[in-house]
Protein backbone atom coordinates (compact mmCIF):
# COMPACT_ATOMS: atom_id res chain seq x y z
CA MET A 1 43.61 -113.53 66.02
CA ASN A 2 45.89 -110.56 65.50
CA TYR A 3 45.95 -109.62 61.79
CA TYR A 4 47.88 -106.36 62.24
CA LEU A 5 51.24 -107.83 61.26
CA TYR A 6 49.60 -109.75 58.46
CA GLN A 7 48.05 -106.60 57.04
CA MET A 8 51.45 -104.90 57.08
CA SER A 9 53.05 -107.71 55.09
CA THR A 10 51.91 -110.46 52.74
CA PRO A 11 54.97 -112.72 52.35
CA LEU A 12 55.21 -115.63 49.94
CA ILE A 13 54.20 -119.10 51.15
CA SER A 14 55.61 -122.18 49.42
CA ILE A 15 53.21 -125.14 49.41
CA ILE A 16 54.71 -128.55 48.59
CA ILE A 17 52.42 -131.34 47.37
CA PRO A 18 53.52 -134.83 46.28
CA PHE A 19 50.88 -136.75 44.34
CA LYS A 20 50.45 -140.22 42.88
CA ASN A 21 47.26 -141.53 41.28
CA THR A 22 44.94 -139.13 43.11
CA GLY A 23 43.15 -137.85 40.03
CA LYS A 24 39.80 -138.46 41.68
CA TYR A 25 40.54 -135.88 44.38
CA LEU A 26 42.94 -133.36 42.86
CA GLU A 27 40.41 -130.85 41.57
CA VAL A 28 38.85 -130.40 45.03
CA CYS A 29 42.31 -130.08 46.58
CA LEU A 30 43.56 -127.50 44.08
CA GLN A 31 40.38 -125.45 44.19
CA SER A 32 40.71 -125.21 47.97
CA ILE A 33 44.17 -123.68 47.47
CA ILE A 34 43.20 -121.33 44.66
CA THR A 35 40.32 -119.90 46.71
CA GLN A 36 42.47 -119.17 49.79
CA THR A 37 42.02 -115.70 51.26
CA HIS A 38 45.81 -115.35 51.32
CA LYS A 39 46.78 -114.99 47.67
CA ASN A 40 50.58 -114.74 47.76
CA TRP A 41 51.55 -118.39 47.50
CA GLU A 42 53.37 -120.72 45.16
CA LEU A 43 52.38 -124.35 44.73
CA LEU A 44 55.15 -126.81 43.90
CA ILE A 45 53.24 -129.95 43.06
CA VAL A 46 55.24 -133.06 42.20
CA ASP A 47 54.13 -136.13 40.27
CA ASP A 48 55.46 -139.29 41.92
CA ASN A 49 55.19 -141.53 38.84
CA SER A 50 51.40 -141.50 38.50
CA SER A 51 49.75 -143.99 36.15
CA ASP A 52 46.30 -142.36 36.08
CA ASN A 53 45.24 -138.96 34.73
CA SER A 54 46.61 -137.01 37.73
CA PHE A 55 49.37 -135.28 35.75
CA GLU A 56 46.92 -134.07 33.09
CA ILE A 57 44.53 -132.68 35.72
CA VAL A 58 47.26 -130.72 37.48
CA ASN A 59 48.67 -129.52 34.18
CA GLN A 60 45.33 -127.94 33.27
CA PHE A 61 45.40 -125.94 36.51
CA ALA A 62 49.05 -124.99 36.00
CA GLN A 63 48.24 -123.62 32.54
CA THR A 64 45.75 -121.15 33.96
CA ASP A 65 47.43 -120.15 37.26
CA HIS A 66 51.06 -119.01 37.19
CA ARG A 67 51.41 -119.75 40.91
CA ILE A 68 51.23 -123.49 40.25
CA THR A 69 54.42 -125.24 39.15
CA LEU A 70 54.04 -128.86 38.06
CA LEU A 71 57.13 -131.03 38.45
CA LYS A 72 58.15 -134.64 37.87
CA SER A 73 59.81 -136.33 40.83
CA LYS A 74 63.51 -137.02 40.46
CA GLY A 75 63.07 -140.35 42.23
CA THR A 76 60.41 -142.64 43.65
CA GLY A 77 58.33 -142.22 46.77
CA ILE A 78 57.00 -139.33 48.85
CA ILE A 79 60.37 -138.25 50.20
CA ASP A 80 61.92 -137.90 46.74
CA ALA A 81 58.86 -135.96 45.57
CA LEU A 82 59.01 -133.62 48.56
CA GLN A 83 62.71 -133.01 47.98
CA THR A 84 62.10 -132.32 44.28
CA GLY A 85 59.44 -129.72 45.11
CA TYR A 86 61.30 -128.06 47.95
CA ALA A 87 64.40 -127.53 45.81
CA MET A 88 62.33 -124.95 43.88
CA ALA A 89 60.81 -123.20 46.92
CA LYS A 90 61.21 -119.42 47.09
CA GLY A 91 58.80 -118.59 49.92
CA GLU A 92 59.64 -117.19 53.35
CA PHE A 93 57.24 -119.73 54.83
CA ILE A 94 56.90 -123.46 54.10
CA THR A 95 53.95 -125.80 54.35
CA ARG A 96 52.99 -129.20 53.01
CA MET A 97 49.64 -130.36 51.65
CA ASP A 98 48.26 -133.76 50.62
CA SER A 99 46.78 -134.07 47.15
CA ASP A 100 43.62 -135.83 48.33
CA ASP A 101 42.67 -133.33 51.07
CA ARG A 102 41.25 -129.82 51.11
CA MET A 103 42.05 -126.62 52.97
CA GLU A 104 39.69 -124.43 54.95
CA HIS A 105 39.45 -121.19 52.94
CA ASP A 106 41.28 -119.15 55.63
CA LYS A 107 43.99 -121.72 56.37
CA LEU A 108 47.04 -119.98 54.90
CA LYS A 109 46.07 -116.56 56.25
CA THR A 110 45.48 -117.95 59.74
CA MET A 111 48.77 -119.82 59.88
CA ILE A 112 50.96 -117.09 58.47
CA SER A 113 49.36 -114.55 60.82
CA GLN A 114 50.32 -116.77 63.75
CA LEU A 115 53.91 -117.07 62.58
CA LEU A 116 54.23 -113.34 61.97
CA GLU A 117 53.00 -112.72 65.50
CA TYR A 118 55.07 -115.38 67.30
CA GLY A 119 58.21 -115.26 65.17
CA THR A 120 60.82 -117.89 64.37
CA GLY A 121 61.16 -121.00 66.48
CA HIS A 122 57.41 -121.64 66.26
CA ILE A 123 55.14 -124.01 64.33
CA ALA A 124 51.71 -122.89 63.14
CA LEU A 125 49.13 -125.66 63.33
CA GLY A 126 45.38 -126.06 62.97
CA LEU A 127 42.66 -128.44 63.99
CA VAL A 128 41.92 -131.23 61.50
CA SER A 129 38.68 -132.88 60.52
CA TYR A 130 38.54 -136.33 58.91
CA PHE A 131 36.01 -137.01 56.19
CA SER A 132 35.24 -140.04 54.03
CA GLU A 133 32.65 -141.13 51.51
CA ASN A 134 32.26 -144.37 53.46
CA GLY A 135 32.30 -142.90 56.95
CA VAL A 136 35.24 -142.33 59.28
CA GLY A 137 36.26 -145.24 61.50
CA ASN A 138 36.49 -145.04 65.29
CA GLY A 139 40.29 -145.20 65.24
CA PHE A 140 40.60 -142.11 63.06
CA MET A 141 37.97 -140.26 65.07
CA GLU A 142 39.85 -141.01 68.30
CA TYR A 143 43.09 -139.80 66.71
CA GLU A 144 41.40 -136.61 65.49
CA THR A 145 40.01 -135.87 68.95
CA TRP A 146 43.34 -136.58 70.64
CA LEU A 147 45.38 -134.57 68.14
CA ASN A 148 43.02 -131.60 68.18
CA GLN A 149 43.11 -131.46 71.97
CA LEU A 150 46.90 -131.22 71.87
CA THR A 151 46.82 -128.58 69.13
CA SER A 152 44.22 -126.44 70.88
CA GLU A 153 46.58 -126.18 73.87
CA GLY A 154 49.84 -126.10 71.91
CA LYS A 155 51.02 -129.14 73.86
CA ASN A 156 51.68 -131.45 70.92
CA PHE A 157 55.20 -132.45 71.89
CA GLN A 158 54.13 -133.64 75.34
CA SER A 159 52.81 -136.78 73.64
CA ILE A 160 55.25 -137.20 70.76
CA TYR A 161 56.22 -140.77 71.66
CA LYS A 162 52.59 -141.95 71.57
CA GLU A 163 51.82 -141.01 67.96
CA CYS A 164 52.69 -138.40 65.33
CA VAL A 165 51.62 -135.12 66.92
CA ILE A 166 52.12 -132.86 63.89
CA PRO A 167 49.53 -133.50 61.15
CA SER A 168 51.57 -133.90 57.97
CA PRO A 169 49.37 -131.62 55.81
CA CYS A 170 48.59 -128.99 58.46
CA TRP A 171 51.69 -127.18 59.64
CA MET A 172 53.63 -124.09 58.58
CA VAL A 173 57.07 -122.82 59.62
CA HIS A 174 59.57 -120.13 58.70
CA LYS A 175 61.84 -121.35 55.91
CA THR A 176 64.89 -120.57 58.05
CA ASP A 177 63.58 -122.90 60.77
CA PHE A 178 62.71 -125.57 58.23
CA ASP A 179 66.22 -125.51 56.80
CA ALA A 180 67.77 -125.52 60.28
CA CYS A 181 66.14 -128.84 61.15
CA GLY A 182 66.97 -130.48 57.82
CA GLY A 183 63.71 -129.88 55.97
CA PHE A 184 62.83 -132.79 53.70
CA ASN A 185 66.45 -133.98 53.51
CA SER A 186 65.93 -136.94 55.84
CA ASN A 187 65.34 -140.30 54.15
CA ILE A 188 63.64 -141.85 57.18
CA TYR A 189 60.06 -143.15 56.94
CA PRO A 190 57.47 -142.39 58.15
CA GLU A 191 58.70 -139.02 56.94
CA ASP A 192 56.00 -136.96 58.69
CA TYR A 193 56.79 -138.48 62.09
CA ASP A 194 60.51 -138.03 61.49
CA LEU A 195 59.94 -134.36 60.71
CA ALA A 196 57.85 -133.96 63.87
CA PHE A 197 60.71 -135.41 65.92
CA ARG A 198 63.18 -133.02 64.28
CA PHE A 199 60.91 -130.07 65.10
CA TYR A 200 60.87 -131.38 68.68
CA LYS A 201 64.64 -131.89 68.72
CA HIS A 202 65.13 -128.24 67.74
CA ASN A 203 62.81 -127.11 70.53
CA TYR A 204 60.31 -125.38 68.25
CA LYS A 205 57.13 -124.29 70.02
CA CYS A 206 53.64 -125.19 68.84
CA ILE A 207 51.25 -122.24 68.57
CA PRO A 208 47.84 -123.10 70.07
CA CYS A 209 44.97 -123.04 67.56
CA ASN A 210 41.24 -123.71 67.99
CA GLN A 211 40.19 -123.45 64.33
CA VAL A 212 39.63 -126.33 61.92
CA LEU A 213 42.00 -125.49 59.07
CA HIS A 214 42.36 -128.82 57.28
CA TYR A 215 39.98 -131.51 56.02
CA TRP A 216 41.76 -134.86 56.00
CA ARG A 217 40.34 -137.43 53.59
CA ASP A 218 40.30 -141.10 54.56
CA TYR A 219 39.87 -143.84 51.98
CA GLY A 220 41.05 -147.38 51.39
CA GLU A 221 43.89 -146.54 48.98
CA ARG A 222 45.51 -143.89 51.16
CA ALA A 223 49.26 -144.49 51.53
CA SER A 224 49.13 -144.41 55.32
CA ARG A 225 46.82 -147.41 55.20
CA ASN A 226 48.75 -149.52 52.70
CA ASP A 227 52.41 -148.49 52.51
CA SER A 228 54.76 -150.56 54.70
CA ASN A 229 56.65 -147.34 55.50
CA TYR A 230 53.69 -146.39 57.72
CA SER A 231 53.23 -149.72 59.49
CA LYS A 232 52.97 -150.04 63.29
CA ASN A 233 56.49 -151.46 63.38
CA SER A 234 57.83 -148.46 61.45
CA LEU A 235 56.23 -146.15 64.00
CA LEU A 236 57.77 -148.07 66.90
CA ASP A 237 61.19 -148.07 65.26
CA ILE A 238 61.26 -144.30 64.82
CA LYS A 239 60.08 -143.75 68.40
CA LEU A 240 62.91 -145.83 69.78
CA LYS A 241 65.45 -144.21 67.45
CA TYR A 242 64.66 -140.73 68.77
CA PHE A 243 64.23 -141.87 72.37
CA ILE A 244 67.76 -143.26 72.33
CA ALA A 245 69.09 -140.12 70.65
CA LEU A 246 67.21 -137.52 72.72
CA GLU A 247 66.07 -139.00 76.01
CA LEU A 248 68.05 -142.09 77.06
CA ASN A 249 70.13 -141.57 80.21
CA THR A 250 72.61 -144.42 80.46
CA ALA A 251 73.55 -143.39 84.01
CA ILE A 252 70.21 -144.59 85.43
CA PRO A 253 68.20 -147.83 85.05
CA LEU A 254 65.98 -148.19 81.98
CA VAL A 255 62.64 -149.94 82.45
CA LEU A 256 60.43 -151.41 79.73
CA TRP A 257 56.75 -151.84 80.62
CA GLY A 258 54.62 -154.42 78.82
CA ALA A 259 55.21 -157.76 77.13
CA GLY A 260 52.72 -157.58 74.30
CA GLN A 261 53.66 -157.32 70.62
CA LYS A 262 54.97 -153.76 70.99
CA GLY A 263 56.84 -154.54 74.17
CA LYS A 264 58.52 -157.54 72.61
CA ARG A 265 59.63 -155.53 69.58
CA MET A 266 61.09 -152.84 71.85
CA ALA A 267 62.84 -155.48 73.94
CA GLN A 268 64.37 -157.14 70.91
CA GLN A 269 65.66 -153.85 69.57
CA LEU A 270 67.13 -152.82 72.91
CA ILE A 271 68.90 -156.18 73.12
CA ASP A 272 70.17 -155.85 69.55
CA GLN A 273 71.63 -152.44 70.43
CA ASN A 274 73.20 -153.73 73.66
CA ILE A 275 71.11 -151.39 75.80
CA GLU A 276 70.55 -152.82 79.27
CA PHE A 277 67.00 -152.65 80.67
CA ASN A 278 64.62 -154.09 83.25
CA TRP A 279 61.47 -155.65 81.81
CA ILE A 280 58.29 -155.45 83.88
CA CYS A 281 54.60 -156.25 83.40
CA ASP A 282 51.42 -156.78 85.42
CA ASN A 283 50.26 -159.97 83.67
CA PRO A 284 50.59 -162.82 86.22
CA LYS A 285 50.82 -165.34 83.37
CA LYS A 286 53.98 -163.65 82.06
CA ILE A 287 55.72 -162.57 85.26
CA GLY A 288 58.74 -164.74 85.86
CA LYS A 289 58.95 -165.95 82.26
CA ASP A 290 62.13 -165.71 80.25
CA ILE A 291 61.77 -163.95 76.87
CA TYR A 292 64.82 -163.22 74.71
CA GLY A 293 66.97 -164.09 77.72
CA LYS A 294 65.26 -161.44 79.90
CA LYS A 295 63.19 -162.32 82.95
CA LEU A 296 59.87 -160.51 83.24
CA LEU A 297 59.49 -158.83 86.63
CA PRO A 298 56.37 -157.56 88.48
CA PHE A 299 55.81 -153.82 88.19
CA ASN A 300 56.37 -153.21 91.90
CA GLN A 301 60.05 -153.95 91.28
CA LEU A 302 60.20 -150.36 90.05
CA LYS A 303 60.42 -149.15 93.65
CA GLN A 304 63.70 -151.00 94.08
CA LEU A 305 65.37 -149.11 91.25
CA GLU A 306 67.04 -145.79 91.85
CA ASN A 307 65.61 -143.00 89.68
CA PRO A 308 64.53 -145.26 86.77
CA GLN A 309 63.58 -144.10 83.28
CA SER A 310 60.57 -145.90 81.80
CA ILE A 311 59.28 -146.77 78.33
CA ILE A 312 55.61 -147.83 78.48
CA THR A 313 54.22 -150.02 75.67
CA VAL A 314 50.95 -150.99 77.38
CA ALA A 315 48.14 -150.12 74.96
CA ASN A 316 45.07 -150.57 77.17
CA LYS A 317 43.81 -147.10 78.09
CA THR A 318 42.58 -148.12 81.55
CA ALA A 319 45.92 -149.74 82.30
CA GLN A 320 47.73 -146.66 81.00
CA GLN A 321 45.84 -144.44 83.42
CA GLU A 322 46.61 -146.80 86.29
CA ILE A 323 50.29 -146.75 85.35
CA ARG A 324 50.29 -142.96 85.10
CA LEU A 325 48.67 -142.59 88.54
CA TYR A 326 51.09 -145.10 90.04
CA LEU A 327 54.12 -143.29 88.64
CA GLN A 328 52.76 -139.93 89.74
CA SER A 329 52.35 -141.35 93.25
CA LEU A 330 56.08 -142.05 93.15
CA GLY A 331 56.77 -138.46 92.19
CA LYS A 332 57.59 -139.28 88.55
CA LYS A 333 56.96 -136.84 85.69
CA GLU A 334 55.81 -137.71 82.16
CA MET A 335 58.32 -136.87 79.39
CA GLU A 336 61.03 -136.71 82.07
CA ASP A 337 60.87 -140.00 83.95
CA TYR A 338 58.44 -142.00 81.80
CA TYR A 339 57.34 -142.05 78.16
CA PHE A 340 54.21 -143.62 76.67
CA PHE A 341 54.95 -145.34 73.36
CA CYS A 342 51.30 -146.05 72.59
């Protein structure tokens, strides 16, 4: 890492944290910020209508550290809390943190050094590590491995339609870039995935990073596990919204792969929006069936279409690899001719 630019300048970082009923974890979170090697930061931490002792815990820290500003949300929900905090931000650089997680001690210094070196139009990221008192499940471990591989190569946006590729509490950008893409002004949930898509839309580049900078806590009450705003259907909806806005080429055939739960939801939404498509699958029990007024076709029908654009909703990893190899054999390119939605 090149610290030369960092040593020449120590600009202010604004950290935004929404919190609600996380009193059990707040002290660890706040201590990890206070002990950062980069000292020039402000923390705008916003109470989203907590009913436990969270507010009192944060208030004790705010009384002893002038860099911490405790606020009450002007609304309800994470987005309102983020907007309340960001309205007070004075830093040249912006980052978000979750109130139940903890930072690696060098996180802020590492990220701001990257941004000072690469300049505007870039996103500083870091590897993440899940932890839990009850053990981390296989699904989260797979996501961690997948996400960290993308981050280590700076290739996050190559897989943006599969899953959220920007960890919500482990990014940093120039404030000018944040404002240019709308910041926290969007009211679309899941808000972290929406922000990732807006970073992608504005063609920001991800800076490769091989250091674990964030420890991501998993537990049963976490919002991403229980809030309907983070359901599988919500994730599918936002993928399709941005695909239509950023990728869809109405001059060529659109193909939908897969007739499982995800495929059916995509099909129904495409029909509702009057978007014409061809629906294909490799399940012999479904081929030829009529669903929502659309006939399911065998996948080899793809060869009969001129320069098709494909959405793939097949979840099975072996089948995904077979599909990828098949499309590559036809000279197709991922994120140009075909997009994996899971």
